[in-house]
Amino acid sequence: MINIGTMSVRLFISEPIKSEYTLIFEPRKTAGNGYLQINLSGEQKNVKVSISNATDILNNKVLQCRENKIFIEDIERNKKNKIMFQIEYAEECSLEVNLYGYQA
């Protein structure tokens, strides 16, 4: 697995009551399958956050998630992705996102 990086990232809370976030991003490289890793962004260090569910909005597809990872398929360079996910954390918070995949 390599860190693919993203060209542009937009992450915002879409439903504060449900701790639901929307992530829009474009990968910097093409890869087969991979995952997004989500962490709480803290002053001292980043902390894993548990993701309860995730959906690929553009393809209307439920995505697998485990701990702080959302698994995605067909990562394409410069292709817009839109993912909606919920975290198990009651307060609104800053999140850090990393994209990993197999180099094509």
PDB file of N, CA and C in Angstrom:
ATOM      1  N   MET A   1       0.836  -1.181   0.000  1.00  0.00           N
ATOM      2  CA  MET A   1       0.000   0.000   0.000  1.00  0.00           C
ATOM      3  C   MET A   1       0.878   1.241   0.000  1.00  0.00           C
ATOM      4  N   ILE A   2       0.470   2.206  -0.786  1.00  0.00           N
ATOM      5  CA  ILE A   2       1.183   3.477  -0.817  1.00  0.00           C
ATOM      6  C   ILE A   2       0.208   4.609  -0.532  1.00  0.00           C
ATOM      7  N   ASN A   3       0.728   5.723  -0.041  1.00  0.00           N
ATOM      8  CA  ASN A   3      -0.097   6.906   0.142  1.00  0.00           C
ATOM      9  C   ASN A   3      -0.278   7.528  -1.227  1.00  0.00           C
ATOM     10  N   ILE A   4      -1.503   7.573  -1.720  1.00  0.00           N
ATOM     11  CA  ILE A   4      -1.796   8.067  -3.057  1.00  0.00           C
ATOM     12  C   ILE A   4      -1.812   9.586  -3.090  1.00  0.00           C
ATOM     13  N   GLY A   5      -2.297  10.199  -2.043  1.00  0.00           N
ATOM     14  CA  GLY A   5      -2.419  11.649  -2.023  1.00  0.00           C
ATOM     15  C   GLY A   5      -3.654  12.091  -2.791  1.00  0.00           C
ATOM     16  N   THR A   6      -4.080  13.309  -2.544  1.00  0.00           N
ATOM     17  CA  THR A   6      -5.271  13.831  -3.196  1.00  0.00           C
ATOM     18  C   THR A   6      -4.968  15.195  -3.792  1.00  0.00           C
ATOM     19  N   MET A   7      -5.573  15.469  -4.944  1.00  0.00           N
ATOM     20  CA  MET A   7      -5.399  16.750  -5.625  1.00  0.00           C
ATOM     21  C   MET A   7      -6.182  17.835  -4.886  1.00  0.00           C
ATOM     22  N   SER A   8      -7.403  17.537  -4.571  1.00  0.00           N
ATOM     23  CA  SER A   8      -8.244  18.487  -3.856  1.00  0.00           C
ATOM     24  C   SER A   8      -9.109  17.711  -2.872  1.00  0.00           C
ATOM     25  N   VAL A   9      -9.318  18.290  -1.729  1.00  0.00           N
ATOM     26  CA  VAL A   9     -10.128  17.643  -0.688  1.00  0.00           C
ATOM     27  C   VAL A   9     -11.066  18.680  -0.101  1.00  0.00           C
ATOM     28  N   ARG A  10     -12.310  18.287   0.049  1.00  0.00           N
ATOM     29  CA  ARG A  10     -13.278  19.109   0.757  1.00  0.00           C
ATOM     30  C   ARG A  10     -13.981  18.180   1.739  1.00  0.00           C
ATOM     31  N   LEU A  11     -13.890  18.510   3.008  1.00  0.00           N
ATOM     32  CA  LEU A  11     -14.497  17.697   4.063  1.00  0.00           C
ATOM     33  C   LEU A  11     -15.322  18.615   4.944  1.00  0.00           C
ATOM     34  N   PHE A  12     -16.603  18.275   5.115  1.00  0.00           N
ATOM     35  CA  PHE A  12     -17.463  19.111   5.957  1.00  0.00           C
ATOM     36  C   PHE A  12     -18.502  18.246   6.658  1.00  0.00           C
ATOM     37  N   ILE A  13     -18.986  18.770   7.783  1.00  0.00           N
ATOM     38  CA  ILE A  13     -20.032  18.052   8.518  1.00  0.00           C
ATOM     39  C   ILE A  13     -21.360  18.373   7.853  1.00  0.00           C
ATOM     40  N   SER A  14     -22.085  17.339   7.426  1.00  0.00           N
ATOM     41  CA  SER A  14     -23.341  17.542   6.717  1.00  0.00           C
ATOM     42  C   SER A  14     -24.554  17.392   7.632  1.00  0.00           C
ATOM     43  N   GLU A  15     -24.446  16.563   8.659  1.00  0.00           N
ATOM     44  CA  GLU A  15     -25.518  16.365   9.640  1.00  0.00           C
ATOM     45  C   GLU A  15     -24.894  16.321  11.032  1.00  0.00           C
ATOM     46  N   PRO A  16     -24.741  17.468  11.699  1.00  0.00           N
ATOM     47  CA  PRO A  16     -24.079  17.493  13.015  1.00  0.00           C
ATOM     48  C   PRO A  16     -24.718  16.577  14.065  1.00  0.00           C
ATOM     49  N   ILE A  17     -26.031  16.468  14.058  1.00  0.00           N
ATOM     50  CA  ILE A  17     -26.716  15.647  15.061  1.00  0.00           C
ATOM     51  C   ILE A  17     -26.346  14.171  14.917  1.00  0.00           C
ATOM     52  N   LYS A  18     -26.130  13.717  13.669  1.00  0.00           N
ATOM     53  CA  LYS A  18     -25.794  12.311  13.407  1.00  0.00           C
ATOM     54  C   LYS A  18     -24.289  12.079  13.273  1.00  0.00           C
ATOM     55  N   SER A  19     -23.468  13.118  13.503  1.00  0.00           N
ATOM     56  CA  SER A  19     -22.007  13.032  13.285  1.00  0.00           C
ATOM     57  C   SER A  19     -21.710  12.512  11.879  1.00  0.00           C
ATOM     58  N   GLU A  20     -22.419  13.080  10.890  1.00  0.00           N
ATOM     59  CA  GLU A  20     -22.292  12.656   9.502  1.00  0.00           C
ATOM     60  C   GLU A  20     -21.480  13.693   8.719  1.00  0.00           C
ATOM     61  N   TYR A  21     -20.479  13.196   8.001  1.00  0.00           N
ATOM     62  CA  TYR A  21     -19.579  14.055   7.242  1.00  0.00           C
ATOM     63  C   TYR A  21     -19.656  13.710   5.761  1.00  0.00           C
ATOM     64  N   THR A  22     -19.355  14.696   4.917  1.00  0.00           N
ATOM     65  CA  THR A  22     -19.255  14.485   3.486  1.00  0.00           C
ATOM     66  C   THR A  22     -17.824  14.812   3.066  1.00  0.00           C
ATOM     67  N   LEU A  23     -17.238  13.917   2.284  1.00  0.00           N
ATOM     68  CA  LEU A  23     -15.874  14.070   1.796  1.00  0.00           C
ATOM     69  C   LEU A  23     -15.892  14.044   0.273  1.00  0.00           C
ATOM     70  N   ILE A  24     -15.350  15.098  -0.347  1.00  0.00           N
ATOM     71  CA  ILE A  24     -15.222  15.170  -1.798  1.00  0.00           C
ATOM     72  C   ILE A  24     -13.730  15.256  -2.093  1.00  0.00           C
ATOM     73  N   PHE A  25     -13.227  14.351  -2.949  1.00  0.00           N
ATOM     74  CA  PHE A  25     -11.791  14.349  -3.227  1.00  0.00           C
ATOM     75  C   PHE A  25     -11.492  13.819  -4.618  1.00  0.00           C
ATOM     76  N   GLU A  26     -10.304  14.159  -5.100  1.00  0.00           N
ATOM     77  CA  GLU A  26      -9.787  13.654  -6.368  1.00  0.00           C
ATOM     78  C   GLU A  26      -8.416  13.051  -6.112  1.00  0.00           C
ATOM     79  N   PRO A  27      -8.215  11.758  -6.409  1.00  0.00           N
ATOM     80  CA  PRO A  27      -6.913  11.117  -6.192  1.00  0.00           C
ATOM     81  C   PRO A  27      -5.825  11.704  -7.101  1.00  0.00           C
ATOM     82  N   ARG A  28      -4.612  11.739  -6.583  1.00  0.00           N
ATOM     83  CA  ARG A  28      -3.450  12.224  -7.334  1.00  0.00           C
ATOM     84  C   ARG A  28      -2.920  11.151  -8.286  1.00  0.00           C
ATOM     85  N   LYS A  29      -3.161   9.862  -7.961  1.00  0.00           N
ATOM     86  CA  LYS A  29      -2.672   8.747  -8.775  1.00  0.00           C
ATOM     87  C   LYS A  29      -3.794   7.733  -8.985  1.00  0.00           C
ATOM     88  N   THR A  30      -3.631   6.878  -9.988  1.00  0.00           N
ATOM     89  CA  THR A  30      -4.564   5.783 -10.230  1.00  0.00           C
ATOM     90  C   THR A  30      -4.097   4.565  -9.435  1.00  0.00           C
ATOM     91  N   ALA A  31      -5.031   3.866  -8.853  1.00  0.00           N
ATOM     92  CA  ALA A  31      -4.744   2.637  -8.109  1.00  0.00           C
ATOM     93  C   ALA A  31      -5.956   1.729  -8.252  1.00  0.00           C
ATOM     94  N   GLY A  32      -5.790   0.478  -7.951  1.00  0.00           N
ATOM     95  CA  GLY A  32      -6.920  -0.451  -8.010  1.00  0.00           C
ATOM     96  C   GLY A  32      -7.840  -0.200  -6.829  1.00  0.00           C
ATOM     97  N   ASN A  33      -7.649  -0.979  -5.801  1.00  0.00           N
ATOM     98  CA  ASN A  33      -8.444  -0.826  -4.591  1.00  0.00           C
ATOM     99  C   ASN A  33      -7.593  -0.133  -3.530  1.00  0.00           C
ATOM    100  N   GLY A  34      -8.255   0.389  -2.538  1.00  0.00           N
ATOM    101  CA  GLY A  34      -7.538   1.059  -1.463  1.00  0.00           C
ATOM    102  C   GLY A  34      -8.479   1.440  -0.342  1.00  0.00           C
ATOM    103  N   TYR A  35      -8.040   2.374   0.461  1.00  0.00           N
ATOM    104  CA  TYR A  35      -8.884   2.825   1.562  1.00  0.00           C
ATOM    105  C   TYR A  35      -8.559   4.252   1.963  1.00  0.00           C
ATOM    106  N   LEU A  36      -9.574   4.891   2.528  1.00  0.00           N
ATOM    107  CA  LEU A  36      -9.420   6.192   3.158  1.00  0.00           C
ATOM    108  C   LEU A  36      -9.202   5.936   4.638  1.00  0.00           C
ATOM    109  N   GLN A  37      -8.256   6.616   5.224  1.00  0.00           N
ATOM    110  CA  GLN A  37      -8.003   6.493   6.659  1.00  0.00           C
ATOM    111  C   GLN A  37      -8.385   7.826   7.289  1.00  0.00           C
ATOM    112  N   ILE A  38      -9.285   7.777   8.267  1.00  0.00           N
ATOM    113  CA  ILE A  38      -9.803   8.975   8.913  1.00  0.00           C
ATOM    114  C   ILE A  38      -9.311   9.017  10.360  1.00  0.00           C
ATOM    115  N   ASN A  39      -8.745  10.145  10.753  1.00  0.00           N
ATOM    116  CA  ASN A  39      -8.288  10.330  12.137  1.00  0.00           C
ATOM    117  C   ASN A  39      -8.796  11.651  12.676  1.00  0.00           C
ATOM    118  N   LEU A  40      -9.007  11.690  13.988  1.00  0.00           N
ATOM    119  CA  LEU A  40      -9.268  12.964  14.644  1.00  0.00           C
ATOM    120  C   LEU A  40      -7.966  13.742  14.599  1.00  0.00           C
ATOM    121  N   SER A  41      -8.035  14.989  14.247  1.00  0.00           N
ATOM    122  CA  SER A  41      -6.833  15.810  14.167  1.00  0.00           C
ATOM    123  C   SER A  41      -6.649  16.511  15.502  1.00  0.00           C
ATOM    124  N   GLY A  42      -5.586  16.114  16.223  1.00  0.00           N
ATOM    125  CA  GLY A  42      -5.336  16.690  17.539  1.00  0.00           C
ATOM    126  C   GLY A  42      -4.055  17.490  17.559  1.00  0.00           C
ATOM    127  N   GLU A  43      -3.870  18.267  18.614  1.00  0.00           N
ATOM    128  CA  GLU A  43      -2.669  19.088  18.718  1.00  0.00           C
ATOM    129  C   GLU A  43      -1.427  18.245  18.951  1.00  0.00           C
ATOM    130  N   GLN A  44      -1.530  17.196  19.753  1.00  0.00           N
ATOM    131  CA  GLN A  44      -0.365  16.382  20.076  1.00  0.00           C
ATOM    132  C   GLN A  44      -0.140  15.263  19.063  1.00  0.00           C
ATOM    133  N   LYS A  45      -1.210  14.568  18.718  1.00  0.00           N
ATOM    134  CA  LYS A  45      -1.115  13.472  17.758  1.00  0.00           C
ATOM    135  C   LYS A  45      -2.501  13.191  17.198  1.00  0.00           C
ATOM    136  N   ASN A  46      -2.550  12.433  16.112  1.00  0.00           N
ATOM    137  CA  ASN A  46      -3.830  12.060  15.519  1.00  0.00           C
ATOM    138  C   ASN A  46      -4.341  10.794  16.188  1.00  0.00           C
ATOM    139  N   VAL A  47      -5.653  10.746  16.397  1.00  0.00           N
ATOM    140  CA  VAL A  47      -6.292   9.642  17.090  1.00  0.00           C
ATOM    141  C   VAL A  47      -7.279   8.975  16.142  1.00  0.00           C
ATOM    142  N   LYS A  48      -7.277   7.636  16.122  1.00  0.00           N
ATOM    143  CA  LYS A  48      -8.223   6.893  15.284  1.00  0.00           C
ATOM    144  C   LYS A  48      -9.651   7.212  15.716  1.00  0.00           C
ATOM    145  N   VAL A  49     -10.538   7.289  14.751  1.00  0.00           N
ATOM    146  CA  VAL A  49     -11.956   7.482  15.011  1.00  0.00           C
ATOM    147  C   VAL A  49     -12.696   6.297  14.394  1.00  0.00           C
ATOM    148  N   SER A  50     -13.722   5.800  15.057  1.00  0.00           N
ATOM    149  CA  SER A  50     -14.493   4.671  14.523  1.00  0.00           C
ATOM    150  C   SER A  50     -15.551   5.171  13.548  1.00  0.00           C
ATOM    151  N   ILE A  51     -15.592   4.549  12.378  1.00  0.00           N
ATOM    152  CA  ILE A  51     -16.577   4.899  11.358  1.00  0.00           C
ATOM    153  C   ILE A  51     -17.690   3.869  11.411  1.00  0.00           C
ATOM    154  N   SER A  52     -18.929   4.333  11.550  1.00  0.00           N
ATOM    155  CA  SER A  52     -20.045   3.394  11.692  1.00  0.00           C
ATOM    156  C   SER A  52     -20.640   2.989  10.348  1.00  0.00           C
ATOM    157  N   ASN A  53     -20.642   3.872   9.349  1.00  0.00           N
ATOM    158  CA  ASN A  53     -21.094   3.494   8.015  1.00  0.00           C
ATOM    159  C   ASN A  53     -20.602   4.512   6.999  1.00  0.00           C
ATOM    160  N   ALA A  54     -20.548   4.098   5.737  1.00  0.00           N
ATOM    161  CA  ALA A  54     -20.070   4.966   4.661  1.00  0.00           C
ATOM    162  C   ALA A  54     -20.774   4.620   3.360  1.00  0.00           C
ATOM    163  N   THR A  55     -20.994   5.642   2.539  1.00  0.00           N
ATOM    164  CA  THR A  55     -21.672   5.474   1.261  1.00  0.00           C
ATOM    165  C   THR A  55     -20.948   6.276   0.182  1.00  0.00           C
ATOM    166  N   ASP A  56     -20.768   5.642  -0.976  1.00  0.00           N
ATOM    167  CA  ASP A  56     -20.265   6.330  -2.164  1.00  0.00           C
ATOM    168  C   ASP A  56     -21.495   6.992  -2.790  1.00  0.00           C
ATOM    169  N   ILE A  57     -21.604   8.293  -2.666  1.00  0.00           N
ATOM    170  CA  ILE A  57     -22.810   8.996  -3.101  1.00  0.00           C
ATOM    171  C   ILE A  57     -22.959   8.986  -4.621  1.00  0.00           C
ATOM    172  N   LEU A  58     -21.867   9.180  -5.366  1.00  0.00           N
ATOM    173  CA  LEU A  58     -21.957   9.250  -6.826  1.00  0.00           C
ATOM    174  C   LEU A  58     -22.363   7.919  -7.449  1.00  0.00           C
ATOM    175  N   ASN A  59     -21.985   6.796  -6.819  1.00  0.00           N
ATOM    176  CA  ASN A  59     -22.345   5.470  -7.338  1.00  0.00           C
ATOM    177  C   ASN A  59     -23.454   4.801  -6.532  1.00  0.00           C
ATOM    178  N   ASN A  60     -23.995   5.495  -5.542  1.00  0.00           N
ATOM    179  CA  ASN A  60     -25.061   4.977  -4.692  1.00  0.00           C
ATOM    180  C   ASN A  60     -24.723   3.577  -4.180  1.00  0.00           C
ATOM    181  N   LYS A  61     -23.548   3.474  -3.536  1.00  0.00           N
ATOM    182  CA  LYS A  61     -23.044   2.174  -3.106  1.00  0.00           C
ATOM    183  C   LYS A  61     -22.594   2.239  -1.648  1.00  0.00           C
ATOM    184  N   VAL A  62     -23.034   1.274  -0.856  1.00  0.00           N
ATOM    185  CA  VAL A  62     -22.586   1.181   0.538  1.00  0.00           C
ATOM    186  C   VAL A  62     -21.155   0.662   0.537  1.00  0.00           C
ATOM    187  N   LEU A  63     -20.299   1.300   1.308  1.00  0.00           N
ATOM    188  CA  LEU A  63     -18.888   0.920   1.364  1.00  0.00           C
ATOM    189  C   LEU A  63     -18.565   0.185   2.650  1.00  0.00           C
ATOM    190  N   GLN A  64     -17.625  -0.738   2.559  1.00  0.00           N
ATOM    191  CA  GLN A  64     -17.145  -1.442   3.752  1.00  0.00           C
ATOM    192  C   GLN A  64     -16.340  -0.461   4.597  1.00  0.00           C
ATOM    193  N   CYS A  65     -16.498  -0.550   5.905  1.00  0.00           N
ATOM    194  CA  CYS A  65     -15.661   0.246   6.787  1.00  0.00           C
ATOM    195  C   CYS A  65     -15.304  -0.586   8.017  1.00  0.00           C
ATOM    196  N   ARG A  66     -14.086  -0.359   8.503  1.00  0.00           N
ATOM    197  CA  ARG A  66     -13.606  -1.065   9.682  1.00  0.00           C
ATOM    198  C   ARG A  66     -12.696  -0.113  10.440  1.00  0.00           C
ATOM    199  N   GLU A  67     -12.993   0.066  11.713  1.00  0.00           N
ATOM    200  CA  GLU A  67     -12.261   0.999  12.573  1.00  0.00           C
ATOM    201  C   GLU A  67     -12.265   2.381  11.931  1.00  0.00           C
ATOM    202  N   ASN A  68     -11.082   2.894  11.547  1.00  0.00           N
ATOM    203  CA  ASN A  68     -11.013   4.237  10.967  1.00  0.00           C
ATOM    204  C   ASN A  68     -10.768   4.214   9.452  1.00  0.00           C
ATOM    205  N   LYS A  69     -11.116   3.102   8.787  1.00  0.00           N
ATOM    206  CA  LYS A  69     -10.867   2.959   7.360  1.00  0.00           C
ATOM    207  C   LYS A  69     -12.170   2.763   6.579  1.00  0.00           C
ATOM    208  N   ILE A  70     -12.221   3.409   5.412  1.00  0.00           N
ATOM    209  CA  ILE A  70     -13.317   3.226   4.467  1.00  0.00           C
ATOM    210  C   ILE A  70     -12.690   2.629   3.206  1.00  0.00           C
ATOM    211  N   PHE A  71     -13.131   1.452   2.812  1.00  0.00           N
ATOM    212  CA  PHE A  71     -12.542   0.736   1.680  1.00  0.00           C
ATOM    213  C   PHE A  71     -13.226   1.140   0.378  1.00  0.00           C
ATOM    214  N   ILE A  72     -12.411   1.498  -0.626  1.00  0.00           N
ATOM    215  CA  ILE A  72     -12.950   1.940  -1.910  1.00  0.00           C
ATOM    216  C   ILE A  72     -12.289   1.162  -3.046  1.00  0.00           C
ATOM    217  N   GLU A  73     -12.973   1.135  -4.192  1.00  0.00           N
ATOM    218  CA  GLU A  73     -12.494   0.405  -5.365  1.00  0.00           C
ATOM    219  C   GLU A  73     -12.287   1.380  -6.525  1.00  0.00           C
ATOM    220  N   ASP A  74     -11.514   0.945  -7.501  1.00  0.00           N
ATOM    221  CA  ASP A  74     -11.332   1.699  -8.746  1.00  0.00           C
ATOM    222  C   ASP A  74     -10.920   3.153  -8.511  1.00  0.00           C
ATOM    223  N   ILE A  75      -9.802   3.336  -7.855  1.00  0.00           N
ATOM    224  CA  ILE A  75      -9.290   4.679  -7.607  1.00  0.00           C
ATOM    225  C   ILE A  75      -8.673   5.196  -8.908  1.00  0.00           C
ATOM    226  N   GLU A  76      -9.207   6.314  -9.421  1.00  0.00           N
ATOM    227  CA  GLU A  76      -8.730   6.875 -10.686  1.00  0.00           C
ATOM    228  C   GLU A  76      -8.222   8.284 -10.484  1.00  0.00           C
ATOM    229  N   ARG A  77      -7.065   8.553 -11.086  1.00  0.00           N
ATOM    230  CA  ARG A  77      -6.456   9.879 -10.997  1.00  0.00           C
ATOM    231  C   ARG A  77      -7.429  10.942 -11.508  1.00  0.00           C
ATOM    232  N   ASN A  78      -7.542  12.029 -10.768  1.00  0.00           N
ATOM    233  CA  ASN A  78      -8.371  13.196 -11.114  1.00  0.00           C
ATOM    234  C   ASN A  78      -9.871  12.917 -11.184  1.00  0.00           C
ATOM    235  N   LYS A  79     -10.316  11.723 -10.795  1.00  0.00           N
ATOM    236  CA  LYS A  79     -11.755  11.405 -10.808  1.00  0.00           C
ATOM    237  C   LYS A  79     -12.375  11.866  -9.499  1.00  0.00           C
ATOM    238  N   LYS A  80     -13.448  12.619  -9.608  1.00  0.00           N
ATOM    239  CA  LYS A  80     -14.136  13.143  -8.426  1.00  0.00           C
ATOM    240  C   LYS A  80     -14.841  12.017  -7.677  1.00  0.00           C
ATOM    241  N   ASN A  81     -14.656  11.980  -6.366  1.00  0.00           N
ATOM    242  CA  ASN A  81     -15.323  11.015  -5.482  1.00  0.00           C
ATOM    243  C   ASN A  81     -16.080  11.788  -4.414  1.00  0.00           C
ATOM    244  N   LYS A  82     -17.217  11.249  -4.034  1.00  0.00           N
ATOM    245  CA  LYS A  82     -18.016  11.884  -2.980  1.00  0.00           C
ATOM    246  C   LYS A  82     -18.475  10.792  -2.019  1.00  0.00           C
ATOM    247  N   ILE A  83     -17.969  10.843  -0.801  1.00  0.00           N
ATOM    248  CA  ILE A  83     -18.249   9.826   0.209  1.00  0.00           C
ATOM    249  C   ILE A  83     -18.933  10.482   1.406  1.00  0.00           C
ATOM    250  N   MET A  84     -19.997   9.853   1.867  1.00  0.00           N
ATOM    251  CA  MET A  84     -20.668  10.305   3.082  1.00  0.00           C
ATOM    252  C   MET A  84     -20.421   9.240   4.152  1.00  0.00           C
ATOM    253  N   PHE A  85     -20.039   9.673   5.362  1.00  0.00           N
ATOM    254  CA  PHE A  85     -19.773   8.703   6.421  1.00  0.00           C
ATOM    255  C   PHE A  85     -20.150   9.259   7.780  1.00  0.00           C
ATOM    256  N   GLN A  86     -20.407   8.346   8.719  1.00  0.00           N
ATOM    257  CA  GLN A  86     -20.719   8.708  10.099  1.00  0.00           C
ATOM    258  C   GLN A  86     -19.611   8.207  11.008  1.00  0.00           C
ATOM    259  N   ILE A  87     -19.279   9.015  12.005  1.00  0.00           N
ATOM    260  CA  ILE A  87     -18.267   8.604  12.973  1.00  0.00           C
ATOM    261  C   ILE A  87     -18.918   8.431  14.338  1.00  0.00           C
ATOM    262  N   GLU A  88     -18.268   7.630  15.175  1.00  0.00           N
ATOM    263  CA  GLU A  88     -18.759   7.408  16.531  1.00  0.00           C
ATOM    264  C   GLU A  88     -18.032   8.364  17.463  1.00  0.00           C
ATOM    265  N   TYR A  89     -18.401   9.634  17.336  1.00  0.00           N
ATOM    266  CA  TYR A  89     -17.818  10.689  18.153  1.00  0.00           C
ATOM    267  C   TYR A  89     -18.863  11.777  18.251  1.00  0.00           C
ATOM    268  N   ALA A  90     -19.260  12.124  19.458  1.00  0.00           N
ATOM    269  CA  ALA A  90     -20.418  12.984  19.667  1.00  0.00           C
ATOM    270  C   ALA A  90     -20.199  14.445  19.279  1.00  0.00           C
ATOM    271  N   GLU A  91     -18.983  14.942  19.417  1.00  0.00           N
ATOM    272  CA  GLU A  91     -18.744  16.357  19.182  1.00  0.00           C
ATOM    273  C   GLU A  91     -18.262  16.622  17.758  1.00  0.00           C
ATOM    274  N   GLU A  92     -18.544  17.830  17.279  1.00  0.00           N
ATOM    275  CA  GLU A  92     -18.010  18.247  15.986  1.00  0.00           C
ATOM    276  C   GLU A  92     -16.498  18.358  16.127  1.00  0.00           C
ATOM    277  N   CYS A  93     -15.757  17.868  15.155  1.00  0.00           N
ATOM    278  CA  CYS A  93     -14.300  17.822  15.317  1.00  0.00           C
ATOM    279  C   CYS A  93     -13.583  18.006  13.989  1.00  0.00           C
ATOM    280  N   SER A  94     -12.295  18.256  14.065  1.00  0.00           N
ATOM    281  CA  SER A  94     -11.448  18.331  12.874  1.00  0.00           C
ATOM    282  C   SER A  94     -10.966  16.931  12.539  1.00  0.00           C
ATOM    283  N   LEU A  95     -10.998  16.589  11.277  1.00  0.00           N
ATOM    284  CA  LEU A  95     -10.589  15.259  10.836  1.00  0.00           C
ATOM    285  C   LEU A  95      -9.448  15.366   9.831  1.00  0.00           C
ATOM    286  N   GLU A  96      -8.604  14.352   9.830  1.00  0.00           N
ATOM    287  CA  GLU A  96      -7.535  14.246   8.850  1.00  0.00           C
ATOM    288  C   GLU A  96      -7.833  13.043   7.968  1.00  0.00           C
ATOM    289  N   VAL A  97      -7.627  13.183   6.652  1.00  0.00           N
ATOM    290  CA  VAL A  97      -7.927  12.121   5.706  1.00  0.00           C
ATOM    291  C   VAL A  97      -6.668  11.760   4.915  1.00  0.00           C
ATOM    292  N   ASN A  98      -6.369  10.457   4.824  1.00  0.00           N
ATOM    293  CA  ASN A  98      -5.293   9.958   3.979  1.00  0.00           C
ATOM    294  C   ASN A  98      -5.870   8.884   3.067  1.00  0.00           C
ATOM    295  N   LEU A  99      -5.395   8.840   1.819  1.00  0.00           N
ATOM    296  CA  LEU A  99      -5.852   7.860   0.840  1.00  0.00           C
ATOM    297  C   LEU A  99      -4.700   6.924   0.514  1.00  0.00           C
ATOM    298  N   TYR A 100      -4.939   5.617   0.648  1.00  0.00           N
ATOM    299  CA  TYR A 100      -3.934   4.609   0.364  1.00  0.00           C
ATOM    300  C   TYR A 100      -4.461   3.645  -0.693  1.00  0.00           C
ATOM    301  N   GLY A 101      -3.568   3.127  -1.525  1.00  0.00           N
ATOM    302  CA  GLY A 101      -3.980   2.166  -2.542  1.00  0.00           C
ATOM    303  C   GLY A 101      -2.791   1.421  -3.106  1.00  0.00           C
ATOM    304  N   TYR A 102      -3.091   0.475  -3.987  1.00  0.00           N
ATOM    305  CA  TYR A 102      -2.060  -0.279  -4.672  1.00  0.00           C
ATOM    306  C   TYR A 102      -1.679   0.498  -5.928  1.00  0.00           C
ATOM    307  N   GLN A 103      -0.410   0.730  -6.121  1.00  0.00           N
ATOM    308  CA  GLN A 103       0.039   1.491  -7.274  1.00  0.00           C
ATOM    309  C   GLN A 103      -0.262   0.718  -8.554  1.00  0.00           C
ATOM    310  N   ALA A 104      -0.860   1.398  -9.512  1.00  0.00           N
ATOM    311  CA  ALA A 104      -1.240   0.738 -10.772  1.00  0.00           C
ATOM    312  C   ALA A 104      -0.081   0.737 -11.750  1.00  0.00           C
TER     313      ALA A 104
END
